[in-house]
Protein backbone atom coordinates (compact mmCIF):
# COMPACT_ATOMS: atom_id res chain seq x y z
CA MET A 1 129.35 97.67 13.67
CA ILE A 2 126.88 97.58 16.49
CA GLN A 3 123.79 99.85 15.85
CA SER A 4 121.08 101.35 18.07
CA CYS A 5 117.51 100.77 17.79
CA VAL A 6 115.75 103.49 15.73
CA VAL A 7 113.08 103.86 18.42
CA HIS A 8 114.81 102.98 21.62
CA THR A 9 118.06 104.76 20.92
CA ASP A 10 119.74 103.84 24.19
CA ARG A 11 119.48 100.16 23.23
CA GLU A 12 122.12 98.56 21.05
CA THR A 13 121.06 95.73 18.81
CA TYR A 14 122.14 93.17 16.21
CA LEU A 15 118.64 92.69 14.82
CA SER A 16 116.99 94.60 12.05
CA CYS A 17 113.68 94.75 10.10
CA THR A 18 113.94 92.41 7.17
CA ARG A 19 111.59 94.73 5.17
CA CYS A 20 113.11 98.16 5.54
CA GLY A 21 116.48 97.17 7.13
CA ARG A 22 116.29 99.58 10.05
CA PRO A 23 118.03 98.42 13.19
CA SER A 24 115.37 97.63 15.89
CA CYS A 25 115.54 95.93 19.27
CA ALA A 26 113.53 92.76 20.17
CA ASN A 27 110.69 94.73 21.59
CA CYS A 28 110.13 96.58 18.36
CA LEU A 29 110.19 93.50 16.02
CA ILE A 30 107.30 91.34 15.02
CA PRO A 31 107.61 87.90 13.64
CA ALA A 32 106.89 87.65 9.91
CA SER A 33 106.56 84.91 7.43
CA VAL A 34 110.23 85.66 6.61
CA GLY A 35 112.28 87.14 9.31
CA PHE A 36 111.07 90.01 11.58
CA HIS A 37 109.36 93.39 10.74
CA CYS A 38 109.37 96.55 12.58
CA ARG A 39 106.17 97.98 13.81
CA GLU A 40 105.94 100.79 11.21
CA CYS A 41 106.36 98.26 8.33
CA VAL A 42 103.56 96.06 9.93
CA ALA A 43 101.33 99.15 10.16
CA VAL A 44 101.98 100.13 6.60
CA ALA A 45 101.28 96.66 5.38
CA SER A 46 98.06 96.53 7.17
CA ALA A 47 96.88 99.76 5.68
CA GLN A 48 97.89 98.52 2.19
CA THR A 49 99.48 101.73 1.14
CA PRO A 50 101.95 102.00 -1.88
CA ARG A 51 104.70 102.43 0.65
CA VAL A 52 104.61 98.63 1.14
CA ARG A 53 105.40 98.02 -2.45
CA ALA A 54 108.23 100.58 -2.44
CA ALA A 55 109.92 99.13 0.68
CA ARG A 56 113.29 97.63 0.25
CA ARG A 57 113.39 93.88 0.59
CA TYR A 58 116.52 92.11 2.02
CA THR A 59 118.15 89.69 -0.47
CA PRO A 60 120.01 86.81 1.46
CA PHE A 61 122.91 86.52 -0.90
CA LEU A 62 125.18 84.42 1.25
CA THR A 63 122.50 81.76 1.77
CA PHE A 64 122.21 81.60 -2.10
CA ILE A 65 126.00 81.74 -2.62
CA PHE A 66 126.40 78.71 -0.21
CA ILE A 67 123.71 76.97 -1.99
CA GLY A 68 125.29 77.53 -5.33
CA ILE A 69 128.72 76.44 -4.13
CA SER A 70 127.29 73.14 -2.93
CA VAL A 71 125.42 72.44 -6.04
CA LEU A 72 128.65 73.37 -8.22
CA GLY A 73 130.64 71.01 -5.89
CA TYR A 74 128.12 68.17 -6.46
CA LEU A 75 127.98 68.61 -10.30
CA LEU A 76 131.68 68.53 -10.35
CA GLN A 77 131.74 65.46 -8.20
CA GLU A 78 129.39 63.77 -10.60
CA VAL A 79 131.62 64.78 -13.62
CA ASP A 80 135.05 63.77 -12.19
CA SER A 81 134.85 60.85 -9.64
CA THR A 82 138.41 61.60 -8.34
CA ILE A 83 137.15 64.80 -6.79
CA PHE A 84 135.39 62.73 -4.00
CA ASN A 85 138.74 61.27 -2.76
CA LYS A 86 140.37 64.66 -3.01
CA LEU A 87 137.77 66.68 -0.95
CA ALA A 88 135.85 64.16 1.22
CA LEU A 89 136.47 64.29 5.01
CA VAL A 90 138.79 61.49 5.72
CA GLY A 91 141.03 61.02 8.80
CA TYR A 92 143.51 58.61 7.35
CA ALA A 93 143.17 56.08 4.54
CA GLN A 94 145.20 54.39 2.01
CA TYR A 95 144.91 54.13 -1.81
CA ALA A 96 145.40 50.80 -3.58
CA ASP A 97 148.97 51.83 -4.69
CA GLY A 98 149.86 52.33 -1.00
CA THR A 99 149.78 56.18 -0.75
CA TRP A 100 148.14 57.82 2.12
CA LEU A 101 145.42 60.51 2.11
CA GLY A 102 143.43 62.33 4.62
CA ILE A 103 143.75 64.99 7.30
CA ALA A 104 146.54 63.07 9.14
CA ASN A 105 148.35 63.33 5.94
CA GLY A 106 148.29 67.15 6.20
CA GLU A 107 145.16 67.75 4.09
CA TRP A 108 143.40 69.98 6.69
CA TYR A 109 141.38 71.65 3.84
CA ARG A 110 139.14 68.58 4.11
CA LEU A 111 137.42 70.06 7.22
CA ALA A 112 135.93 72.65 4.87
CA THR A 113 135.55 70.91 1.59
CA VAL A 114 133.45 68.18 2.99
CA ALA A 115 130.45 70.61 2.39
CA LEU A 116 131.09 70.66 -1.31
CA LEU A 117 130.29 67.01 -1.78
CA HIS A 118 127.07 64.93 -1.17
CA GLY A 119 126.23 61.35 -1.06
CA GLY A 120 123.54 61.53 -3.93
CA ILE A 121 120.98 63.84 -5.37
CA LEU A 122 118.51 63.30 -2.45
CA HIS A 123 121.05 64.17 0.14
CA LEU A 124 121.87 67.38 -1.71
CA LEU A 125 118.32 68.40 -2.23
CA PHE A 126 117.47 67.73 1.39
CA ASN A 127 120.35 69.87 2.69
CA MET A 128 119.86 72.58 0.08
CA TYR A 129 116.22 72.91 1.04
CA ALA A 130 117.06 73.00 4.83
CA LEU A 131 119.68 75.68 4.04
CA TRP A 132 117.33 77.70 2.04
CA ALA A 133 114.49 77.42 4.64
CA ILE A 134 116.57 78.37 7.65
CA GLY A 135 119.27 80.61 5.94
CA THR A 136 117.00 83.06 4.18
CA SER A 137 115.46 84.04 7.51
CA LEU A 138 118.38 83.96 9.81
CA GLU A 139 120.66 85.88 7.38
CA SER A 140 118.07 88.63 7.12
CA VAL A 141 117.96 88.97 10.93
CA ILE A 142 121.61 88.80 11.90
CA GLY A 143 123.28 90.22 8.81
CA ARG A 144 125.64 88.74 6.23
CA TRP A 145 128.94 88.67 8.04
CA ARG A 146 127.72 87.05 11.19
CA PHE A 147 125.73 84.56 9.19
CA GLY A 148 128.79 83.72 7.18
CA ALA A 149 130.96 83.38 10.15
CA ILE A 150 128.40 81.14 12.04
CA TYR A 151 128.10 78.90 8.86
CA VAL A 152 131.92 78.50 8.64
CA VAL A 153 132.40 77.97 12.30
CA SER A 154 129.57 75.38 12.44
CA LEU A 155 130.94 73.58 9.50
CA ILE A 156 134.44 73.32 11.18
CA GLY A 157 132.86 72.26 14.43
CA GLY A 158 130.75 69.47 12.58
CA SER A 159 133.76 68.24 10.68
CA SER A 160 135.93 68.20 13.90
CA ALA A 161 133.31 66.12 15.72
CA SER A 162 133.21 63.67 12.79
CA LEU A 163 137.01 63.43 12.60
CA LEU A 164 137.23 62.84 16.42
CA PHE A 165 134.54 60.15 16.68
CA ASN A 166 134.13 58.34 13.49
CA ALA A 167 136.49 55.75 11.88
CA SER A 168 139.41 57.25 10.17
CA ASN A 169 139.13 55.60 6.94
CA ILE A 170 135.37 56.20 6.31
CA PRO A 171 134.76 59.29 4.20
CA ALA A 172 132.11 61.88 5.22
CA VAL A 173 130.39 64.31 2.91
CA GLY A 174 127.77 66.87 3.09
CA ALA A 175 126.90 70.39 4.57
CA SER A 176 124.94 69.00 7.41
CA GLY A 177 127.28 70.15 10.14
CA ALA A 178 127.03 73.72 9.00
CA ILE A 179 123.15 73.41 8.54
CA PHE A 180 122.66 72.15 12.05
CA GLY A 181 124.80 75.11 13.27
CA LEU A 182 122.24 77.36 11.71
CA PHE A 183 119.52 75.41 13.58
CA GLY A 184 121.34 76.17 16.78
CA ALA A 185 121.91 79.80 15.89
CA THR A 186 118.07 80.31 15.08
CA VAL A 187 117.35 78.88 18.64
CA ILE A 188 119.69 81.41 20.22
CA VAL A 189 118.42 84.33 18.24
CA ASN A 190 114.87 83.50 18.96
CA ARG A 191 115.51 83.24 22.61
CA ARG A 192 117.47 86.41 22.65
CA GLY A 193 114.64 88.28 20.81
CA GLY A 194 112.16 86.93 23.44
CA LEU A 195 110.45 84.70 20.70
CA ASN A 196 109.13 81.17 21.19
CA ALA A 197 111.81 78.66 20.00
CA ALA A 198 109.58 75.58 20.54
CA SER A 199 109.20 74.95 16.78
CA MET A 200 112.82 75.05 16.19
CA TYR A 201 113.49 72.48 19.07
CA THR A 202 111.08 70.24 17.26
CA VAL A 203 112.96 70.61 13.98
CA ILE A 204 116.18 69.81 15.64
CA ALA A 205 114.79 66.89 17.50
CA ILE A 206 113.32 65.29 14.28
CA ASN A 207 116.53 65.87 12.30
CA LEU A 208 118.75 64.47 15.08
CA ALA A 209 116.51 61.37 15.46
CA MET A 210 116.82 60.83 11.69
CA GLY A 211 120.54 60.65 12.11
CA PHE A 212 120.29 57.87 14.62
CA VAL A 213 117.68 55.88 12.70
CA ILE A 214 118.92 56.32 9.06
CA PRO A 215 122.09 54.25 8.43
CA ASN A 216 125.33 55.83 7.30
CA VAL A 217 124.40 59.26 8.59
CA ASP A 218 127.11 61.25 10.43
CA TRP A 219 125.25 62.35 13.46
CA HIS A 220 128.56 63.30 15.16
CA ALA A 221 128.87 66.07 12.67
CA HIS A 222 125.22 67.11 13.28
CA LEU A 223 125.86 67.41 17.05
CA GLY A 224 129.23 69.22 16.54
CA GLY A 225 127.72 71.67 14.10
CA LEU A 226 124.77 72.32 16.39
CA LEU A 227 127.07 72.94 19.42
CA PHE A 228 129.46 75.21 17.62
CA GLY A 229 126.60 77.19 15.84
CA ALA A 230 124.73 77.85 19.18
CA VAL A 231 127.89 78.77 21.02
CA SER A 232 129.21 81.15 18.33
CA THR A 233 125.84 82.87 17.95
CA ALA A 234 125.52 83.29 21.70
CA LEU A 235 129.01 85.06 21.53
CA PHE A 236 127.83 87.27 18.76
CA VAL A 237 124.67 88.50 20.40
CA ALA A 238 125.73 88.31 24.12
CA GLY A 239 125.34 91.60 25.96
CA PRO A 240 124.59 95.13 24.61
CA ALA A 241 128.03 96.72 25.26
CA ARG A 242 129.91 97.88 22.32
CA ARG A 243 133.18 97.16 24.07
CA TRP A 244 132.51 93.41 23.95
CA LEU A 245 133.21 93.14 20.29
CA GLY A 246 136.84 92.23 20.81
CA GLY A 247 135.77 89.65 23.43
CA ARG A 248 133.19 88.17 20.95
CA ILE A 249 135.92 87.76 18.30
CA ALA A 250 138.25 86.29 20.85
CA GLY A 251 135.57 83.84 21.94
CA ILE A 252 135.07 82.63 18.31
CA LEU A 253 138.84 82.22 17.80
CA PHE A 254 139.06 80.33 21.12
CA LEU A 255 136.40 78.06 19.90
CA LEU A 256 138.19 77.26 16.74
CA LEU A 257 141.42 76.72 18.53
CA VAL A 258 139.77 74.17 20.80
CA ALA A 259 138.66 72.33 17.66
CA PHE A 260 142.05 72.52 16.19
CA PHE A 261 143.72 71.24 19.28
CA LEU A 262 141.39 68.30 19.61
CA ASP A 263 141.72 67.50 15.83
CA SER A 264 145.68 67.68 16.26
CA GLN A 265 145.39 65.20 19.03
CA ARG A 266 143.37 62.96 16.89
CA VAL A 267 145.79 63.26 13.88
CA THR A 268 148.68 62.30 16.13
CA GLU A 269 146.89 59.30 17.29
CA LEU A 270 146.14 58.16 13.80
CA GLN A 271 149.73 58.72 12.72
CA LEU A 272 150.95 56.53 15.55
CA LEU A 273 148.52 53.80 14.74
CA VAL A 274 149.89 53.58 11.18
CA GLY A 275 153.44 54.10 12.20
CA GLN A 276 153.88 57.40 10.35
């Protein structure tokens, strides 16, 4: 539900104060160490009154849930090695016994389960730190359901790009596509709020460069997630009109349909290559 700024009641907004939770427009929010604070909370903090200690703090539950799911997936992967072949992102590959596996074999769930696996403890720690660092702030600003939707859409976008451009029999793992989507989302939110996004551009550039320099990094998934995250966020925050809600949802669904269509073309191509 779209809310109005508590100060400028004629302005609809998706943003809110991360300290008190009141909906506020970009002109009423001030960047804080975590998220954005309204002018009243900033004034209270400056005065160091008891009201600051009593203020409600936002807990980014979804960020912690996504981290917990990824950690659990990695632990299960370490306990049972067969989970890797069952959940990794694979276009089309063949077991030693001749049976086929992969998305072209009808296992479309791999587009999502790729985020449950990681290529080692360092890969997991790096991704989870990035998710914690960017997710706690972003979720507090845009809200849980938008944050969750952007995370999932970015994950699908990253997986789709990986499927389209990588070798079909090389498995891909990790939540990097979704995390890059959150990078893109943060840029859009900052620009929408009239804030400087230069530092986020630097973070994105460094992480993209690492994908080109470090071997065996799926930079296609990074770019796909970044694009889908930015576009989906732009759709969520575009325009103040309440009547645009249906259009926003339709835009997100269209984005996913485009990914599904391209993936389907790739699957057909792979099936023809192996004569299935």
